[in-house]
Protein backbone atom coordinates (compact mmCIF):
# COMPACT_ATOMS: atom_id res chain seq x y z
CA MET A 1 0.00 0.00 0.00
CA LYS A 2 2.82 2.42 0.90
CA LYS A 3 4.53 1.65 -2.39
CA LEU A 4 1.29 2.30 -4.27
CA ILE A 5 0.86 5.65 -2.49
CA ARG A 6 4.48 6.59 -3.30
CA ILE A 7 3.96 5.74 -6.99
CA ILE A 8 0.79 7.84 -7.09
CA LYS A 9 2.52 10.81 -5.45
CA GLU A 10 5.47 10.62 -7.83
CA HIS A 11 3.21 10.64 -10.88
CA GLU A 12 3.42 13.91 -12.83
CA ARG A 13 -0.36 14.32 -12.74
CA TYR A 14 -0.58 13.84 -8.95
CA PRO A 15 -0.71 17.55 -7.90
CA LEU A 16 -3.43 18.33 -10.44
CA THR A 17 -5.32 15.12 -9.62
CA LEU A 18 -5.17 15.96 -5.91
CA ARG A 19 -6.53 19.47 -6.50
CA VAL A 20 -9.38 18.13 -8.63
CA PHE A 21 -10.06 15.43 -6.03
CA LEU A 22 -10.27 18.00 -3.22
CA ILE A 23 -12.56 20.23 -5.29
CA LEU A 24 -14.85 17.29 -6.06
CA CYS A 25 -14.87 16.25 -2.40
CA VAL A 26 -15.80 19.79 -1.34
CA ALA A 27 -18.50 19.93 -4.03
CA MET A 28 -19.83 16.53 -2.99
CA SER A 29 -19.83 17.61 0.67
CA VAL A 30 -21.69 20.82 -0.16
CA LEU A 31 -24.22 18.85 -2.20
CA LEU A 32 -24.74 16.37 0.63
CA ILE A 33 -25.10 19.20 3.15
CA ALA A 34 -27.68 20.88 0.91
CA LEU A 35 -29.61 17.63 0.43
CA PHE A 36 -29.46 16.74 4.11
CA SER A 37 -30.46 20.28 5.11
CA TYR A 38 -33.52 20.03 2.89
CA SER A 39 -34.25 16.56 4.24
CA TYR A 40 -33.76 17.80 7.81
CA CYS A 41 -36.17 20.72 7.36
CA HIS A 42 -38.70 18.45 5.65
CA GLN A 43 -38.49 15.80 8.39
CA VAL A 44 -38.75 18.38 11.18
CA GLN A 45 -41.76 20.03 9.55
CA ASP A 46 -43.35 16.64 8.89
CA HIS A 47 -42.71 15.55 12.49
CA GLN A 48 -44.12 18.79 13.88
CA ALA A 49 -47.20 18.50 11.66
CA LYS A 50 -47.67 14.88 12.71
CA ILE A 51 -47.27 15.72 16.40
CA SER A 52 -49.62 18.69 16.06
CA PHE A 53 -52.27 16.55 14.35
CA GLN A 54 -51.88 13.76 16.91
CA GLU A 55 -52.08 16.10 19.89
CA SER A 56 -55.02 18.00 18.42
CA HIS A 57 -56.83 14.68 17.99
CA VAL A 58 -56.03 13.60 21.57
CA ILE A 59 -57.23 16.82 23.19
CA ALA A 60 -60.32 16.86 20.94
CA LEU A 61 -61.26 13.41 22.28
CA LEU A 62 -60.48 14.52 25.83
CA THR A 63 -62.56 17.67 25.39
CA GLN A 64 -65.52 15.62 24.17
CA GLU A 65 -65.24 13.30 27.17
CA ILE A 66 -65.13 16.19 29.66
CA GLU A 67 -68.02 18.00 27.98
CA GLN A 68 -70.00 14.75 28.07
CA GLN A 69 -69.61 14.70 31.87
CA PHE A 70 -71.41 18.04 32.04
CA VAL A 71 -74.19 16.73 29.82
CA VAL A 72 -74.62 13.78 32.21
CA MET A 73 -74.61 16.08 35.26
CA TYR A 74 -77.16 18.37 33.66
CA THR A 75 -79.45 15.48 32.77
CA ASP A 76 -79.19 13.84 36.21
CA ILE A 77 -79.78 16.98 38.23
CA GLU A 78 -82.75 17.90 36.06
CA ILE A 79 -84.29 14.45 36.72
CA LEU A 80 -83.61 14.73 40.46
CA SER A 81 -85.30 18.12 40.63
CA GLN A 82 -88.44 16.65 39.04
CA LEU A 83 -88.90 13.74 41.47
CA ASN A 84 -92.54 13.45 42.55
CA GLU A 85 -91.56 12.96 46.19
CA LEU A 86 -89.47 16.13 46.11
CA LYS A 87 -92.20 18.13 44.37
CA THR A 88 -94.75 16.97 46.94
CA TYR A 89 -92.40 17.82 49.81
CA VAL A 90 -91.75 21.40 48.68
CA GLN A 91 -95.48 21.83 48.18
CA THR A 92 -96.64 20.34 51.51
CA GLY A 93 -93.58 20.56 53.74
CA ASP A 94 -94.25 17.00 55.01
CA GLU A 95 -90.96 15.90 56.64
CA GLN A 96 -91.88 12.23 56.25
CA LEU A 97 -91.45 12.56 52.49
CA LEU A 98 -87.74 13.31 52.96
CA SER A 99 -87.03 9.61 53.52
CA ALA A 100 -88.50 8.80 50.12
CA VAL A 101 -86.47 11.63 48.56
CA ALA A 102 -83.33 10.32 50.27
CA SER A 103 -84.01 6.81 48.94
CA GLU A 104 -84.26 8.10 45.38
CA PHE A 105 -81.09 10.14 45.81
CA GLN A 106 -79.31 7.12 47.28
CA LEU A 107 -80.26 4.92 44.33
CA VAL A 108 -78.78 7.46 41.93
CA ALA A 109 -75.59 7.81 44.00
CA GLN A 110 -75.20 4.04 44.21
CA ALA A 111 -75.65 3.63 40.45
CA LYS A 112 -73.33 6.49 39.53
CA PRO A 113 -70.09 6.35 41.50
CA TYR A 114 -68.82 9.69 40.16
CA TYR A 115 -71.19 11.60 42.50
CA MET A 116 -69.67 12.21 45.94
CA GLN A 117 -72.77 13.92 47.34
CA LEU A 118 -76.42 14.46 46.43
CA ARG A 119 -78.25 17.03 48.54
CA PHE A 120 -81.43 18.98 48.87
CA LEU A 121 -81.21 22.34 50.65
CA ASP A 122 -84.25 24.34 51.65
CA ALA A 123 -84.73 28.01 50.84
CA ALA A 124 -82.79 28.96 54.00
CA GLY A 125 -79.71 26.97 52.94
CA ILE A 126 -80.19 24.13 55.45
CA GLU A 127 -79.40 20.61 54.26
CA LYS A 128 -82.57 18.52 54.39
CA VAL A 129 -81.33 15.46 52.53
CA ARG A 130 -77.71 14.50 52.04
CA ILE A 131 -76.31 11.35 50.49
CA ASP A 132 -72.56 10.84 50.84
CA ARG A 133 -70.46 8.29 49.08
CA VAL A 134 -67.42 6.57 50.58
CA SER A 135 -65.67 4.08 48.32
CA ASP A 136 -68.47 1.91 46.89
CA LEU A 137 -71.03 2.76 49.56
CA ALA A 138 -73.65 5.50 49.23
CA TYR A 139 -75.43 6.33 52.51
CA ARG A 140 -77.75 8.92 53.99
CA VAL A 141 -76.13 11.34 56.43
CA ASP A 142 -77.79 11.51 59.82
CA ALA A 143 -79.92 14.61 60.47
CA SER A 144 -77.61 15.63 63.33
CA ARG A 145 -74.74 16.09 60.89
CA LEU A 146 -76.59 18.17 58.34
CA GLN A 147 -75.09 21.64 57.87
CA ASP A 148 -76.10 25.18 57.12
CA LYS A 149 -74.77 26.05 53.66
CA SER A 150 -76.44 29.43 53.32
CA GLY A 151 -73.08 31.18 53.22
CA ARG A 152 -71.67 29.12 50.39
CA GLU A 153 -71.45 30.66 46.95
CA TYR A 154 -73.16 27.80 45.17
CA PHE A 155 -76.26 28.20 47.41
CA GLN A 156 -76.38 31.95 46.92
CA GLN A 157 -76.10 31.52 43.17
CA GLY A 158 -78.52 28.60 42.97
CA ILE A 159 -81.34 30.09 45.03
CA ARG A 160 -81.52 33.03 42.61
CA LEU A 161 -81.85 30.88 39.50
CA SER A 162 -84.93 30.80 37.34
CA GLU A 163 -86.82 27.55 37.07
CA LYS A 164 -84.89 24.81 35.22
CA ASP A 165 -81.72 26.93 35.06
CA VAL A 166 -78.54 25.18 36.20
CA TYR A 167 -75.49 26.62 37.93
CA PHE A 168 -72.07 24.94 37.74
CA SER A 169 -69.46 25.89 40.30
CA ARG A 170 -65.82 26.10 39.36
CA LEU A 171 -63.68 23.00 39.80
CA ASP A 172 -62.22 23.43 43.27
CA LEU A 173 -61.55 21.45 46.44
CA ASN A 174 -64.30 20.04 48.65
CA VAL A 175 -64.90 21.92 51.92
CA GLU A 176 -66.53 20.49 55.05
CA PHE A 177 -67.11 22.47 58.22
CA CYS A 178 -65.18 25.40 56.70
CA GLN A 179 -62.07 23.27 56.16
CA ILE A 180 -60.61 21.93 52.91
CA VAL A 181 -60.93 18.15 53.02
CA GLU A 182 -57.65 16.23 53.15
CA PRO A 183 -56.59 14.52 50.99
CA HIS A 184 -57.81 16.98 48.39
CA GLN A 185 -61.11 16.13 46.72
CA PRO A 186 -61.56 18.06 43.43
CA THR A 187 -65.26 18.87 43.17
CA ILE A 188 -67.74 20.38 40.72
CA ARG A 189 -71.14 21.35 42.11
CA ALA A 190 -74.19 21.40 39.90
CA VAL A 191 -77.15 23.33 41.34
CA ILE A 192 -80.78 23.55 40.17
CA PRO A 193 -83.67 25.32 41.96
CA VAL A 194 -86.86 23.52 42.96
CA TYR A 195 -90.04 25.58 42.58
CA GLY A 196 -93.49 24.97 43.98
CA GLU A 197 -96.73 24.92 42.04
CA ASN A 198 -97.03 28.70 42.13
CA HIS A 199 -93.65 29.00 40.33
CA GLU A 200 -93.02 32.29 42.13
CA SER A 201 -89.88 31.57 44.13
CA PRO A 202 -87.68 28.52 44.72
CA ARG A 203 -88.42 26.36 47.77
CA GLY A 204 -84.90 24.97 47.77
CA ILE A 205 -82.12 23.65 45.58
CA VAL A 206 -80.76 20.28 44.54
CA VAL A 207 -76.96 20.10 44.74
CA LEU A 208 -74.96 17.43 43.00
CA ASN A 209 -71.25 17.09 43.92
CA TYR A 210 -69.33 15.59 41.01
CA ASP A 211 -66.01 13.90 41.76
CA GLY A 212 -63.51 16.08 39.85
CA GLN A 213 -60.83 13.44 40.37
CA ARG A 214 -62.51 11.46 37.59
CA ILE A 215 -61.66 14.25 35.15
CA VAL A 216 -58.06 14.19 36.39
CA GLU A 217 -57.96 10.39 35.93
CA LEU A 218 -59.45 10.76 32.46
CA ILE A 219 -56.66 13.21 31.58
CA GLU A 220 -54.06 10.78 32.94
CA ARG A 221 -55.45 7.94 30.80
CA MET A 222 -55.45 10.08 27.67
CA GLU A 223 -51.90 11.20 28.44
CA LYS A 224 -50.71 7.65 27.76
CA ILE A 225 -51.47 8.10 24.05
CA SER A 226 -50.15 11.66 23.97
CA SER A 227 -46.60 12.70 23.11
CA GLY A 228 -46.64 15.49 25.68
CA SER A 229 -48.15 16.48 29.01
CA LEU A 230 -51.91 17.07 29.18
CA LEU A 231 -52.88 20.08 31.28
CA LEU A 232 -56.15 21.60 32.47
CA ILE A 233 -56.30 25.30 33.32
CA ASP A 234 -59.12 27.71 34.07
CA GLN A 235 -59.82 31.05 32.44
CA GLU A 236 -57.59 32.87 34.95
CA GLY A 237 -54.61 30.67 34.14
CA TYR A 238 -54.69 28.58 37.34
CA TRP A 239 -53.63 24.96 37.08
CA LEU A 240 -56.44 22.44 37.62
CA ARG A 241 -54.16 19.70 36.39
CA GLY A 242 -50.56 20.87 36.18
CA LEU A 243 -47.08 19.66 35.39
CA THR A 244 -46.61 18.93 39.11
CA ARG A 245 -49.02 18.53 42.03
CA GLU A 246 -47.46 21.56 43.72
CA ASP A 247 -48.64 23.80 40.87
CA GLU A 248 -52.34 22.93 41.23
CA TRP A 249 -55.25 24.68 42.97
CA GLY A 250 -53.72 28.13 43.15
CA SER A 251 -57.28 29.49 42.86
CA VAL A 252 -58.15 27.87 46.23
CA LEU A 253 -54.93 27.58 48.23
CA PRO A 254 -53.54 30.98 49.32
CA ASP A 255 -49.90 29.82 49.34
CA ARG A 256 -50.13 28.91 45.63
CA ARG A 257 -51.62 32.12 44.28
CA ASP A 258 -48.61 32.69 42.03
CA LYS A 259 -48.79 29.18 40.56
CA ARG A 260 -50.32 29.95 37.19
CA PHE A 261 -49.89 28.77 33.66
CA SER A 262 -49.89 32.43 32.67
CA ASN A 263 -46.84 33.08 34.87
CA ARG A 264 -44.84 30.07 33.69
CA PHE A 265 -45.63 30.33 29.97
CA VAL A 266 -45.82 34.08 29.51
CA THR A 267 -45.42 33.98 25.72
CA ALA A 268 -47.99 31.25 25.08
CA TRP A 269 -50.76 32.43 27.43
CA PRO A 270 -51.93 35.51 25.43
CA HIS A 271 -52.56 33.27 22.39
CA ILE A 272 -54.79 30.79 24.24
CA ASN A 273 -57.99 32.73 23.79
CA SER A 274 -59.98 30.96 21.10
CA ARG A 275 -61.87 27.70 20.71
CA GLN A 276 -58.80 25.73 19.63
CA GLY A 277 -55.36 26.19 18.19
CA THR A 278 -51.66 25.36 18.13
CA ILE A 279 -48.82 27.57 19.35
CA ARG A 280 -45.05 27.20 19.10
CA THR A 281 -42.75 29.22 21.39
CA GLY A 282 -39.20 28.91 22.64
CA GLN A 283 -40.52 26.81 25.55
CA GLY A 284 -42.21 24.20 23.38
CA ALA A 285 -45.36 23.37 21.42
CA PHE A 286 -48.90 23.88 22.74
CA SER A 287 -52.13 22.44 21.31
CA TYR A 288 -55.31 23.48 23.10
CA ASN A 289 -59.10 23.17 23.11
CA ALA A 290 -61.61 25.18 25.09
CA ILE A 291 -64.20 23.31 27.19
CA ALA A 292 -67.62 24.55 26.08
CA PRO A 293 -70.36 21.94 26.68
CA GLN A 294 -73.49 22.34 24.56
CA LEU A 295 -76.46 21.98 26.93
CA ARG A 296 -80.10 22.50 26.04
CA GLY A 297 -80.98 24.64 29.08
CA THR A 298 -79.78 27.94 30.46
CA ILE A 299 -76.42 27.57 32.19
CA THR A 300 -75.07 29.99 34.75
CA ASN A 301 -71.29 30.09 35.13
CA PRO A 302 -70.56 27.44 32.48
CA PRO A 303 -67.07 25.91 32.71
CA HIS A 304 -64.41 27.99 30.99
CA TRP A 305 -61.37 25.74 30.92
CA PHE A 306 -58.66 24.88 28.47
CA VAL A 307 -57.29 21.42 27.80
CA ILE A 308 -53.67 21.83 26.69
CA SER A 309 -51.12 19.40 25.31
CA TYR A 310 -47.64 20.67 26.09
CA ILE A 311 -44.50 19.26 24.45
CA PRO A 312 -41.31 20.80 25.92
CA ASP A 313 -38.74 22.22 23.54
CA GLN A 314 -36.17 19.77 24.96
CA LEU A 315 -38.29 16.87 23.70
CA LEU A 316 -38.58 18.43 20.25
CA SER A 317 -34.84 19.13 20.26
CA ARG A 318 -34.05 15.48 20.99
CA PHE A 319 -35.85 14.51 17.80
CA LYS A 320 -33.88 17.13 15.85
CA ILE A 321 -30.61 15.90 17.33
CA ALA A 322 -31.52 12.32 16.40
CA ILE A 323 -32.14 13.42 12.79
CA VAL A 324 -28.81 15.28 12.67
CA GLU A 325 -26.92 12.28 14.08
CA HIS A 326 -28.57 9.92 11.60
CA GLN A 327 -27.85 12.20 8.65
CA PHE A 328 -24.27 12.82 9.79
CA ASN A 329 -23.58 9.09 10.00
CA LEU A 330 -25.21 8.54 6.62
CA GLY A 331 -23.19 11.41 5.13
CA VAL A 332 -19.90 9.99 6.45
CA VAL A 333 -20.72 6.57 4.98
CA LEU A 334 -21.62 8.09 1.61
CA LEU A 335 -18.43 10.18 1.56
CA LEU A 336 -16.28 7.16 2.38
CA LEU A 337 -18.01 5.08 -0.28
CA GLY A 338 -17.54 7.89 -2.78
CA LEU A 339 -13.80 8.44 -2.21
CA LEU A 340 -12.55 5.79 -4.64
CA PRO A 341 -14.97 6.71 -7.47
CA THR A 342 -14.15 10.36 -6.87
CA TRP A 343 -10.42 9.68 -7.13
CA ILE A 344 -10.93 7.78 -10.39
CA VAL A 345 -13.03 10.63 -11.79
CA SER A 346 -10.38 13.10 -10.58
CA MET A 347 -7.67 11.21 -12.46
CA PHE A 348 -9.76 11.30 -15.63
CA ILE A 349 -10.50 15.02 -15.27
CA ALA A 350 -6.86 15.78 -14.44
CA GLU A 351 -5.75 13.91 -17.56
CA VAL A 352 -8.18 15.89 -19.71
CA LEU A 353 -7.09 19.19 -18.13
CA TYR A 354 -3.43 18.29 -18.49
CA LYS A 355 -3.81 17.44 -22.16
CA HIS A 356 -5.81 20.60 -22.77
CA HIS A 357 -3.16 22.65 -20.99
CA ASP A 358 -0.40 20.86 -22.87
CA LEU A 359 -2.08 21.55 -26.21
CA LYS A 360 -2.52 25.18 -25.25
CA MET A 361 1.12 25.44 -24.20
CA ARG A 362 2.31 23.77 -27.40
CA ALA A 363 0.18 26.11 -29.49
CA ASN A 364 1.05 29.36 -27.70
CA TYR A 365 4.23 28.92 -25.67
CA ASP A 366 7.81 27.90 -26.27
CA ARG A 367 8.43 24.53 -24.63
CA LEU A 368 12.03 25.29 -23.71
CA THR A 369 11.68 28.70 -22.05
CA GLY A 370 7.97 28.88 -21.27
CA LEU A 371 7.81 32.24 -23.06
CA ALA A 372 5.17 33.11 -25.63
CA ASN A 373 5.91 31.75 -29.10
CA ARG A 374 5.70 33.61 -32.40
CA SER A 375 2.04 32.71 -32.91
CA LEU A 376 0.96 34.10 -29.54
CA PHE A 377 3.24 37.13 -30.02
CA ASP A 378 1.58 37.95 -33.35
CA ASP A 379 -1.87 37.61 -31.78
CA ARG A 380 -0.95 39.87 -28.86
CA LEU A 381 0.55 42.37 -31.31
CA GLN A 382 -2.68 42.53 -33.32
CA GLN A 383 -4.72 43.02 -30.14
CA LEU A 384 -2.37 45.77 -29.01
CA LEU A 385 -2.64 47.50 -32.39
CA LEU A 386 -6.45 47.55 -32.16
CA HIS A 387 -6.42 48.72 -28.56
CA SER A 388 -3.82 51.44 -29.17
CA GLU A 389 -5.64 52.65 -32.26
CA ARG A 390 -8.90 53.07 -30.31
CA GLY A 391 -7.22 54.60 -27.27
CA ASP A 392 -4.65 56.70 -29.15
CA GLU A 393 -1.83 55.04 -27.18
CA ARG A 394 1.80 54.27 -27.98
CA PHE A 395 3.66 50.99 -27.62
CA ALA A 396 7.06 49.58 -28.54
CA VAL A 397 8.45 46.37 -30.03
CA LEU A 398 11.90 45.37 -28.77
CA TYR A 399 13.63 42.78 -30.96
CA CYS A 400 16.53 41.02 -29.18
CA ASP A 401 19.30 38.85 -30.60
CA LEU A 402 21.86 37.22 -28.30
CA ASP A 403 25.53 37.96 -28.92
CA GLY A 404 27.96 35.07 -28.45
CA PHE A 405 25.30 32.39 -28.07
CA LYS A 406 26.81 30.17 -30.80
CA THR A 407 30.07 30.13 -28.87
CA VAL A 408 28.26 28.80 -25.78
CA ASN A 409 26.73 25.97 -27.82
CA ASP A 410 30.08 25.12 -29.42
CA THR A 411 32.16 25.19 -26.23
CA LEU A 412 29.77 24.14 -23.46
CA GLY A 413 27.25 22.09 -25.40
CA HIS A 414 23.64 22.44 -26.45
CA ASP A 415 22.38 21.59 -22.96
CA ALA A 416 24.23 24.61 -21.66
CA GLY A 417 22.73 26.69 -24.47
CA ASP A 418 19.24 25.52 -23.50
CA GLU A 419 19.91 26.43 -19.87
CA VAL A 420 21.12 29.89 -20.94
CA LEU A 421 17.90 30.46 -22.89
CA ARG A 422 15.76 29.38 -19.92
CA VAL A 423 17.63 31.63 -17.48
CA LEU A 424 17.57 34.64 -19.80
CA GLY A 425 13.86 34.11 -20.45
CA ARG A 426 13.18 34.31 -16.71
CA ARG A 427 15.45 37.35 -16.28
CA ILE A 428 13.86 39.33 -19.10
CA ASN A 429 10.35 38.35 -18.02
CA SER A 430 11.06 39.72 -14.54
CA LEU A 431 11.96 43.15 -15.97
CA VAL A 432 8.64 43.89 -17.67
CA ARG A 433 5.06 44.40 -16.48
CA LYS A 434 2.37 41.71 -16.47
CA THR A 435 0.62 43.57 -19.27
CA ASP A 436 3.73 43.26 -21.46
CA THR A 437 4.68 40.20 -23.53
CA VAL A 438 8.05 38.44 -23.83
CA ALA A 439 8.30 35.91 -26.68
CA ARG A 440 10.92 33.61 -28.13
CA MET A 441 10.82 34.10 -31.89
CA GLY A 442 13.17 31.21 -32.64
CA GLY A 443 16.81 30.23 -32.00
CA ASP A 444 18.40 32.95 -29.88
CA GLU A 445 15.97 35.70 -30.90
CA MET A 446 13.39 37.19 -28.54
CA ALA A 447 10.82 39.97 -28.89
CA ILE A 448 9.11 42.14 -26.31
CA LEU A 449 5.86 44.12 -26.49
CA LEU A 450 5.81 47.14 -24.18
CA ALA A 451 2.22 48.37 -23.99
CA ASN A 452 1.05 51.92 -23.29
CA ILE A 453 4.38 53.73 -23.02
CA THR A 454 4.41 57.43 -22.21
CA GLY A 455 7.82 58.38 -23.60
CA ARG A 456 11.20 57.26 -24.88
CA GLU A 457 12.59 56.98 -21.38
CA VAL A 458 10.33 53.96 -20.74
CA PHE A 459 11.63 51.65 -23.49
CA GLU A 460 15.17 53.00 -23.14
CA MET A 461 15.16 52.10 -19.43
CA VAL A 462 13.80 48.60 -20.15
CA ALA A 463 16.33 48.04 -22.94
CA ALA A 464 19.19 49.14 -20.70
CA LYS A 465 18.07 46.77 -17.92
CA ILE A 466 17.79 43.86 -20.36
CA ILE A 467 21.31 44.47 -21.68
CA ASP A 468 22.61 44.60 -18.11
CA GLN A 469 20.84 41.41 -16.97
CA VAL A 470 21.69 39.39 -20.09
CA SER A 471 25.37 40.26 -19.83
CA ARG A 472 25.69 38.76 -16.35
CA PRO A 473 27.36 35.32 -16.09
CA ILE A 474 25.16 32.20 -16.04
CA PRO A 475 26.36 29.07 -14.18
CA VAL A 476 25.88 25.84 -16.16
CA LYS A 477 27.00 22.25 -15.59
CA LYS A 478 30.25 22.56 -17.54
CA GLY A 479 31.21 26.02 -16.37
CA VAL A 480 29.99 29.58 -16.68
CA ALA A 481 28.33 31.00 -19.78
CA GLN A 482 28.25 34.66 -20.70
CA VAL A 483 26.48 36.29 -23.61
CA GLY A 484 25.34 39.74 -24.66
CA VAL A 485 22.33 41.10 -26.49
CA SER A 486 21.61 43.57 -29.27
CA ILE A 487 18.20 45.23 -29.21
CA GLY A 488 16.27 46.95 -31.96
CA ILE A 489 13.25 49.11 -31.14
CA GLY A 490 10.20 49.89 -33.27
CA LEU A 491 7.58 52.41 -32.08
CA TYR A 492 3.88 52.64 -32.80
CA PRO A 493 2.73 54.82 -34.49
CA GLU A 494 5.96 56.74 -35.21
CA HIS A 495 7.73 53.96 -37.15
CA ALA A 496 4.82 51.86 -38.44
CA THR A 497 1.10 51.26 -37.93
CA GLU A 498 0.97 47.60 -39.00
CA GLY A 499 2.27 44.56 -37.16
CA LYS A 500 4.65 43.11 -39.76
CA ALA A 501 6.03 46.51 -40.61
CA LEU A 502 6.64 47.26 -36.94
CA ILE A 503 8.52 43.97 -36.46
CA THR A 504 10.57 44.72 -39.58
CA CYS A 505 11.49 48.15 -38.18
CA ALA A 506 12.59 46.60 -34.88
CA ASP A 507 14.54 43.86 -36.72
CA GLN A 508 16.39 46.38 -38.87
CA ALA A 509 17.16 48.47 -35.80
CA MET A 510 18.55 45.34 -34.10
CA TYR A 511 20.95 44.73 -37.01
CA GLU A 512 21.99 48.35 -36.79
CA ALA A 513 22.81 47.80 -33.09
CA LYS A 514 24.98 44.80 -34.01
CA LYS A 515 26.82 46.88 -36.61
CA ARG A 516 27.58 49.44 -33.93
CA GLY A 517 29.40 46.97 -31.76
CA LYS A 518 26.74 44.75 -30.18
CA GLY A 519 25.65 44.92 -26.54
CA CYS A 520 23.55 48.02 -27.20
CA TYR A 521 20.08 49.10 -28.30
CA CYS A 522 19.04 51.14 -31.29
CA SER A 523 15.72 52.73 -32.24
CA TYR A 524 14.52 52.54 -35.84
CA GLU A 525 14.84 56.28 -36.48
CA GLN A 526 18.48 56.08 -35.33
CA ILE A 527 19.43 53.97 -38.34
CA GLU A 528 19.79 57.17 -40.29
CA LYS A 529 20.61 59.33 -37.24
CA PRO A 530 23.27 57.45 -35.28
CA LEU A 531 24.02 60.34 -32.87
CA ASN A 532 21.62 59.16 -30.12
CA VAL A 533 22.78 55.55 -29.88
CA LEU A 534 23.27 54.52 -26.29
CA LYS A 535 26.12 52.05 -25.82
CA VAL A 536 26.05 49.86 -22.70
CA GLU A 537 29.39 48.31 -22.04
CA THR A 538 29.44 44.67 -21.04
CA ASP A 539 30.85 43.94 -17.60
CA GLU A 540 34.06 42.12 -18.46
CA SER A 541 34.13 40.47 -15.09
């Protein structure tokens, strides 16, 4: 394996293949991230929609069950208020009829275990008949233990009702002898007035105590098929069934007055004001339904509660984390499986790019020096002519011919000559701007395009630097080579306005420089006016 890796690294295409491979890996990673991001968003939205639908269905069923309890209470208390024995008693006042009334009440209490008490109170608020239920036994309370309930709110509300109207108390805790019963007994009281034959004023009320714990137990059973916690709150935001027992009954217990849904979920509470809905906040997801039983009679103080399914944000986040972990693991596996095919594709692409680059280099660049060849030089010259003509700019062509190059080939060998050309190509290229072009025209001849020159001093300075750099010794394998250079200069538009003519001007000026002793430069107009020739002496050292 190590040998295979070494062979791959030593291959001439390896750097290019590696770059292509890394680019493909990054592209593949970005593509996977994009796909997984879309999949993640889709799965989260789908999960949230599924949870929302499920919870809405659960609380809808729970709402129906709770509302049905009120329908049953309404029906039962209406029947109790119409008992013949009770009607006769309120009409005649015969105390002996109370036993018959108690028997009827007891039968109902025995048959329906969700009633903790059934009572009849006279117009003064005194209990006349009371049936209590303990476990599975319903019994009549002795007359000595009957109480005065005239001060209780449910009596004061019930005695003012019109005939056949029903009053429902809030869901609170049962109170006996002015003390909250321990352990707590959640209670709903249904009250209906009993009128005499004159129908002028009520002769008393029937009170039915419903065991509110059954509603709590119903919520607990439904919670088993829910993904969250099922809560019951009243219209003031107090917990009737909370996240913990310590949160509940703040409406009754003074030390829990601050225990409210509205205090704990400040953002969600203002939105829970309609029949049903779904809310999402930073604390989690809430689905809710309002309790609004549809009863055929007139109801005073109907229940105004909300059943809420609450899913904490931590629970939702765990699902998101699970999706991310799954997709990360899948992404790693896909990347690992894709490495070998990606490397093979990278090798193919690198080969294509290399061949394309090689063809381009062969067509436009000299293979020995890496400089532009004659074809590319001519193309750049034509582009520069068009650009300069439009922009009214000047440029120069410097035509260079090496002095003493044949001697290097003859004495040090052609390999040394090739090395000299490579070194001089790099030196000359370093002296010009990136917008300029240095080309090898063939053999030991080179040409330079200096674009957008502002005056003679520009090309004269460049020519002088080239002569200086070329004349410096060049170390080669068999010794030290030293050559010179003669440079001819043609200017656009002073000397010519066409490409071939401009090259001819520079070429003739170069031959003039050689005639004048080599190692110097000569401008085309100086062929006839030799006074301004600048001679740069070669450093003999």
